[in-house]
Amino acid sequence: MHKKPRVLKDFPVKRDFPPGFGPSVSASSKSNASFLVKRKSREETKPLVFSDDKCGGTSKRTNMMYRNEEIVNKKGSVVSKYLKPIDNRKKVEESLILFRELLSKRMGESKAESGIKNGATRLAYVAAAIDLRWERKWVNVDKRIGAVPGVEVGDKFECAAELNVVGLHRQFQGGIDYMVKGGQKLATSIVASGRYVNAIISSEVLIYSGQGGNPSVGRSEPKDQKLERGNLALKNSMEARTPVRVIRGSEVSKASKTIVYIYDGLYLVDKCMQERGAFGKLVFKFELRRIPGQPKLTM
């Protein structure tokens, strides 16, 4: 014997939500009723610019991203939808402030333990960055190809560890960072810091040396570079025509050998060559050309 379906009458709703948006029904509500409510039209609620696949988009004017949030009832129907702005620039700045505070603390500990009076060891930089990661204060944690939210062309960073903290380059030592996408390695970013022989032809063109086989890095024996890891990723990026972020190391003082890292923007790999290097071994050379339309660089 089938029971007659229960008829739900009008239910009073407290309206403490923004005008034009309907109430949401909690999944833990004792009532099994679901409410379909009137929502603003798509034209009224859409952000200025949508460009990022993961987060919904970035406004070029304000560097703000918008996160779509949906509240659904038990049947899976959307009952409320709104847009919450995220200030990525502010998040990047806050992470860098926290990192520098931790670095200062680590430097003090290193000086006390080893008697170092000036400067900080590389270990202090890495330790401060790892501490911040454990606190979940890194931003842009997922590797990505293209621009990084909250980071702008011309931004300067005091050390390589800061590049990790903001998600610009996820290598503490390696000059080529990459990710696997569609089954192949693609370069995400490179750092031209002078450890290898690189040539800046102009503000728009960079000749970048591949990694490996350099005896001045890691005190290894000179040998031919192989088409693997970062070298393979750059070659794949050339064929796939995917952009690569370029970070340039600039020496502030020759006496102290202090280097700052400057974000130069997005480049495309135009050429991949092999030639004999300074030690008589084969070296990969990649020609990268800056993508037009970006802010001008001051070299």
Protein backbone atom coordinates (compact mmCIF):
# COMPACT_ATOMS: atom_id res chain seq x y z
CA MET A 1 0.00 0.00 0.00
CA HIS A 2 1.50 3.30 -1.10
CA LYS A 3 1.32 6.35 1.09
CA LYS A 4 0.08 9.60 -0.34
CA PRO A 5 2.87 12.07 -1.02
CA ARG A 6 3.29 14.68 1.66
CA VAL A 7 2.37 18.16 0.47
CA LEU A 8 4.69 20.90 1.73
CA LYS A 9 3.08 24.26 2.35
CA ASP A 10 4.77 27.63 2.18
CA PHE A 11 7.66 27.80 4.61
CA PRO A 12 8.74 31.14 6.10
CA VAL A 13 12.31 32.05 5.22
CA LYS A 14 14.49 34.57 7.01
CA ARG A 15 15.99 36.80 4.30
CA ASP A 16 19.43 37.80 5.57
CA PHE A 17 21.16 37.32 2.24
CA PRO A 18 22.07 39.86 -0.48
CA PRO A 19 19.19 41.21 -2.64
CA GLY A 20 18.60 39.09 -5.73
CA PHE A 21 20.03 35.91 -4.21
CA GLY A 22 17.94 33.15 -2.72
CA PRO A 23 18.42 31.30 0.59
CA SER A 24 20.49 28.15 0.77
CA VAL A 25 19.37 24.90 2.34
CA SER A 26 21.85 23.15 4.62
CA ALA A 27 22.52 19.49 3.87
CA SER A 28 22.00 18.76 7.57
CA SER A 29 18.54 20.32 7.67
CA LYS A 30 15.86 18.06 9.13
CA SER A 31 13.43 19.07 6.42
CA ASN A 32 13.78 17.19 3.14
CA ALA A 33 12.40 20.17 1.22
CA SER A 34 14.59 21.88 -1.34
CA PHE A 35 14.17 25.43 -2.52
CA LEU A 36 14.85 26.66 -6.00
CA VAL A 37 15.39 30.38 -5.77
CA LYS A 38 15.73 33.28 -8.10
CA ARG A 39 19.31 34.20 -8.94
CA LYS A 40 20.86 37.18 -10.63
CA SER A 41 21.35 36.91 -14.35
CA ARG A 42 24.72 35.85 -15.71
CA GLU A 43 25.39 39.34 -16.99
CA GLU A 44 24.86 40.85 -13.51
CA THR A 45 27.14 38.46 -11.64
CA LYS A 46 30.05 37.73 -14.00
CA PRO A 47 33.50 39.20 -13.12
CA LEU A 48 35.42 41.58 -15.38
CA VAL A 49 37.72 38.98 -16.93
CA PHE A 50 37.81 35.20 -16.88
CA SER A 51 41.15 33.74 -17.92
CA ASP A 52 42.44 31.24 -15.34
CA ASP A 53 41.29 27.63 -15.62
CA LYS A 54 41.72 26.78 -11.95
CA CYS A 55 40.42 29.84 -10.14
CA GLY A 56 37.91 31.46 -12.46
CA GLY A 57 39.83 34.42 -13.81
CA THR A 58 41.85 37.54 -13.11
CA SER A 59 40.87 41.15 -13.53
CA LYS A 60 43.68 42.83 -15.44
CA ARG A 61 42.79 46.15 -13.84
CA THR A 62 42.75 45.09 -10.18
CA ASN A 63 44.67 41.80 -10.13
CA MET A 64 41.70 40.31 -8.30
CA MET A 65 40.48 36.77 -8.89
CA TYR A 66 36.96 35.55 -8.44
CA ARG A 67 36.11 32.19 -6.93
CA ASN A 68 32.79 30.65 -7.91
CA GLU A 69 31.06 29.04 -4.93
CA GLU A 70 27.90 26.98 -5.20
CA ILE A 71 25.70 25.73 -2.38
CA VAL A 72 23.72 22.62 -3.32
CA ASN A 73 20.94 20.74 -1.63
CA LYS A 74 20.67 16.97 -1.20
CA LYS A 75 19.30 16.50 -4.72
CA GLY A 76 22.23 18.32 -6.26
CA SER A 77 20.30 21.41 -7.30
CA VAL A 78 22.11 24.74 -7.09
CA VAL A 79 20.24 26.92 -4.64
CA SER A 80 22.65 29.82 -4.31
CA LYS A 81 25.62 31.09 -6.29
CA TYR A 82 27.82 34.08 -5.62
CA LEU A 83 31.29 35.44 -6.39
CA LYS A 84 33.91 36.11 -3.76
CA PRO A 85 36.92 38.29 -4.72
CA ILE A 86 40.44 37.12 -3.87
CA ASP A 87 43.26 39.67 -3.79
CA ASN A 88 46.16 37.58 -5.11
CA ARG A 89 48.59 40.47 -4.97
CA LYS A 90 47.95 40.86 -1.26
CA LYS A 91 48.37 37.11 -0.69
CA VAL A 92 51.77 37.17 -2.41
CA GLU A 93 52.92 40.18 -0.37
CA GLU A 94 51.76 38.63 2.91
CA SER A 95 53.60 35.37 2.15
CA LEU A 96 56.83 37.24 1.42
CA ILE A 97 56.55 39.21 4.67
CA LEU A 98 56.08 35.97 6.64
CA PHE A 99 59.01 34.35 4.83
CA ARG A 100 61.35 37.24 5.63
CA GLU A 101 60.33 37.13 9.28
CA LEU A 102 61.09 33.40 9.44
CA LEU A 103 64.36 33.92 7.55
CA SER A 104 65.45 36.55 10.07
CA LYS A 105 64.75 34.08 12.86
CA ARG A 106 66.65 31.29 11.09
CA MET A 107 69.59 33.58 10.40
CA GLY A 108 69.81 34.42 14.09
CA GLU A 109 69.84 30.72 14.96
CA SER A 110 72.53 29.99 12.36
CA LYS A 111 74.75 32.78 13.65
CA ALA A 112 74.40 31.56 17.22
CA GLU A 113 75.21 27.95 16.31
CA SER A 114 78.07 28.44 13.85
CA GLY A 115 79.45 31.82 14.88
CA ILE A 116 78.66 33.42 11.52
CA LYS A 117 78.57 37.19 11.97
CA ASN A 118 77.48 38.34 8.53
CA GLY A 119 75.07 36.91 6.00
CA ALA A 120 73.04 33.72 6.13
CA THR A 121 73.76 30.21 4.98
CA ARG A 122 71.81 28.66 2.12
CA LEU A 123 70.37 26.24 4.66
CA ALA A 124 68.67 29.11 6.48
CA TYR A 125 66.89 30.21 3.29
CA VAL A 126 65.64 26.71 2.52
CA ALA A 127 64.65 26.05 6.14
CA ALA A 128 62.61 29.26 6.31
CA ALA A 129 60.80 28.37 3.07
CA ILE A 130 60.07 24.83 4.28
CA ASP A 131 58.77 26.17 7.61
CA LEU A 132 56.40 28.43 5.71
CA ARG A 133 55.24 25.53 3.56
CA TRP A 134 54.43 23.44 6.64
CA GLU A 135 52.32 26.34 7.86
CA ARG A 136 50.52 26.27 4.50
CA LYS A 137 51.46 29.85 3.74
CA TRP A 138 52.89 29.26 0.29
CA VAL A 139 50.72 30.67 -2.49
CA ASN A 140 50.04 29.30 -5.99
CA VAL A 141 51.04 25.85 -4.76
CA ASP A 142 50.05 24.02 -7.96
CA LYS A 143 52.52 24.21 -10.82
CA ARG A 144 51.13 26.00 -13.84
CA ILE A 145 52.11 27.16 -17.31
CA GLY A 146 51.82 30.88 -17.95
CA ALA A 147 51.34 33.84 -15.62
CA VAL A 148 51.21 33.38 -11.84
CA PRO A 149 48.37 35.18 -10.00
CA GLY A 150 49.60 38.05 -7.86
CA VAL A 151 53.03 38.30 -9.54
CA GLU A 152 53.69 41.09 -12.04
CA VAL A 153 56.41 41.76 -14.61
CA GLY A 154 59.28 43.64 -12.95
CA ASP A 155 58.73 42.18 -9.47
CA LYS A 156 61.99 41.70 -7.56
CA PHE A 157 62.78 38.92 -5.12
CA GLU A 158 65.60 38.89 -2.60
CA CYS A 159 66.54 35.22 -2.97
CA ALA A 160 65.68 32.09 -4.94
CA ALA A 161 63.68 30.68 -2.02
CA GLU A 162 61.14 33.49 -2.44
CA LEU A 163 60.45 32.28 -5.97
CA ASN A 164 59.30 28.98 -4.43
CA VAL A 165 57.12 30.71 -1.83
CA VAL A 166 55.09 32.67 -4.42
CA GLY A 167 54.90 29.82 -6.98
CA LEU A 168 56.99 31.52 -9.67
CA HIS A 169 59.72 28.85 -9.80
CA ARG A 170 59.59 25.63 -7.79
CA GLN A 171 63.28 24.72 -7.68
CA PHE A 172 65.69 25.71 -4.93
CA GLN A 173 68.74 25.08 -7.13
CA GLY A 174 67.67 23.93 -10.60
CA GLY A 175 67.46 26.61 -13.25
CA ILE A 176 64.69 24.87 -15.23
CA ASP A 177 61.35 24.00 -13.67
CA TYR A 178 58.80 21.84 -15.45
CA MET A 179 55.62 19.83 -15.07
CA VAL A 180 54.03 16.86 -16.80
CA LYS A 181 50.98 17.75 -18.89
CA GLY A 182 49.32 15.51 -21.43
CA GLY A 183 51.96 12.84 -20.85
CA GLN A 184 54.96 15.05 -21.67
CA LYS A 185 57.30 17.33 -19.74
CA LEU A 186 56.74 21.04 -20.38
CA ALA A 187 58.86 23.87 -18.98
CA THR A 188 57.09 26.26 -16.61
CA SER A 189 59.96 28.64 -15.77
CA ILE A 190 63.69 29.23 -16.05
CA VAL A 191 66.13 31.26 -13.96
CA ALA A 192 69.06 32.94 -15.70
CA SER A 193 71.35 33.63 -12.76
CA GLY A 194 74.82 33.34 -14.30
CA ARG A 195 75.63 29.81 -13.16
CA TYR A 196 75.64 28.77 -16.82
CA VAL A 197 76.78 30.79 -19.82
CA ASN A 198 73.63 32.59 -20.96
CA ALA A 199 73.44 35.49 -23.39
CA ILE A 200 70.91 38.32 -23.21
CA ILE A 201 70.80 39.46 -26.85
CA SER A 202 68.28 42.19 -26.04
CA SER A 203 65.43 42.82 -23.65
CA GLU A 204 63.33 40.62 -25.93
CA VAL A 205 65.68 37.71 -26.74
CA LEU A 206 67.56 35.34 -24.43
CA ILE A 207 69.95 32.51 -25.31
CA TYR A 208 69.67 30.03 -22.45
CA SER A 209 72.11 27.17 -21.80
CA GLY A 210 70.74 23.74 -20.97
CA GLN A 211 71.38 21.98 -17.66
CA GLY A 212 73.95 19.31 -16.81
CA GLY A 213 77.62 18.69 -17.56
CA ASN A 214 78.82 22.00 -16.09
CA PRO A 215 81.84 21.48 -13.79
CA SER A 216 81.36 24.92 -12.22
CA VAL A 217 78.03 23.70 -10.81
CA GLY A 218 78.33 20.92 -8.24
CA ARG A 219 82.06 20.29 -8.95
CA SER A 220 81.24 17.58 -11.47
CA GLU A 221 83.31 16.43 -14.42
CA PRO A 222 82.48 18.13 -17.74
CA LYS A 223 80.36 15.97 -20.01
CA ASP A 224 77.89 16.20 -22.87
CA GLN A 225 74.46 17.44 -21.90
CA LYS A 226 71.59 15.01 -22.42
CA LEU A 227 68.11 15.64 -23.77
CA GLU A 228 66.38 14.89 -20.48
CA ARG A 229 64.68 16.60 -17.54
CA GLY A 230 64.66 20.38 -18.04
CA ASN A 231 66.36 20.22 -21.44
CA LEU A 232 63.67 17.90 -22.75
CA ALA A 233 60.95 20.08 -21.18
CA LEU A 234 62.23 23.19 -22.99
CA LYS A 235 62.37 21.34 -26.31
CA ASN A 236 58.80 20.08 -25.78
CA SER A 237 57.67 23.61 -24.93
CA MET A 238 59.17 24.80 -28.22
CA GLU A 239 57.18 22.21 -30.15
CA ALA A 240 53.97 22.77 -28.18
CA ARG A 241 54.37 26.59 -28.28
CA THR A 242 53.65 26.94 -24.57
CA PRO A 243 54.91 30.04 -22.68
CA VAL A 244 57.79 29.89 -20.22
CA ARG A 245 58.28 32.30 -17.32
CA VAL A 246 61.73 33.93 -17.29
CA ILE A 247 63.36 35.11 -14.07
CA ARG A 248 66.63 37.01 -14.40
CA GLY A 249 69.27 37.13 -11.70
CA SER A 250 70.87 40.56 -11.38
CA GLU A 251 73.98 41.20 -9.28
CA VAL A 252 73.41 44.08 -6.89
CA SER A 253 76.92 44.28 -5.53
CA LYS A 254 80.04 42.59 -6.89
CA ALA A 255 81.72 42.87 -3.52
CA SER A 256 79.01 40.98 -1.64
CA LYS A 257 77.90 38.96 -4.69
CA THR A 258 74.29 39.72 -3.74
CA ILE A 259 71.77 38.72 -6.41
CA VAL A 260 68.17 39.83 -6.78
CA TYR A 261 65.75 37.95 -9.01
CA ILE A 262 63.56 39.91 -11.41
CA TYR A 263 60.52 38.49 -13.18
CA ASP A 264 60.82 39.40 -16.87
CA GLY A 265 57.53 37.88 -18.07
CA LEU A 266 56.51 35.17 -20.55
CA TYR A 267 58.68 33.92 -23.40
CA LEU A 268 58.34 31.34 -26.18
CA VAL A 269 61.13 28.92 -27.04
CA ASP A 270 61.95 29.63 -30.69
CA LYS A 271 65.03 27.47 -31.29
CA CYS A 272 66.85 24.49 -29.80
CA MET A 273 70.53 24.03 -30.79
CA GLN A 274 73.56 21.97 -29.79
CA GLU A 275 77.11 23.28 -29.84
CA ARG A 276 80.50 22.77 -28.22
CA GLY A 277 80.79 24.60 -24.92
CA ALA A 278 83.75 26.10 -23.08
CA PHE A 279 84.88 22.66 -21.90
CA GLY A 280 84.64 21.03 -25.32
CA LYS A 281 81.44 19.17 -24.51
CA LEU A 282 78.06 19.36 -26.25
CA VAL A 283 75.74 21.95 -24.74
CA PHE A 284 72.09 22.65 -25.50
CA LYS A 285 71.23 26.25 -26.34
CA PHE A 286 67.66 27.52 -26.35
CA GLU A 287 66.61 30.80 -27.92
CA LEU A 288 63.66 32.36 -26.12
CA ARG A 289 61.76 35.36 -27.44
CA ARG A 290 59.55 37.53 -25.27
CA ILE A 291 55.83 37.48 -26.03
CA PRO A 292 54.65 40.93 -27.26
CA GLY A 293 52.15 43.04 -25.35
CA GLN A 294 53.79 42.77 -21.92
CA PRO A 295 55.12 45.72 -19.86
CA LYS A 296 58.52 46.94 -21.06
CA LEU A 297 61.65 45.80 -19.25
CA THR A 298 64.31 48.02 -17.73
CA MET A 299 67.61 46.18 -18.14
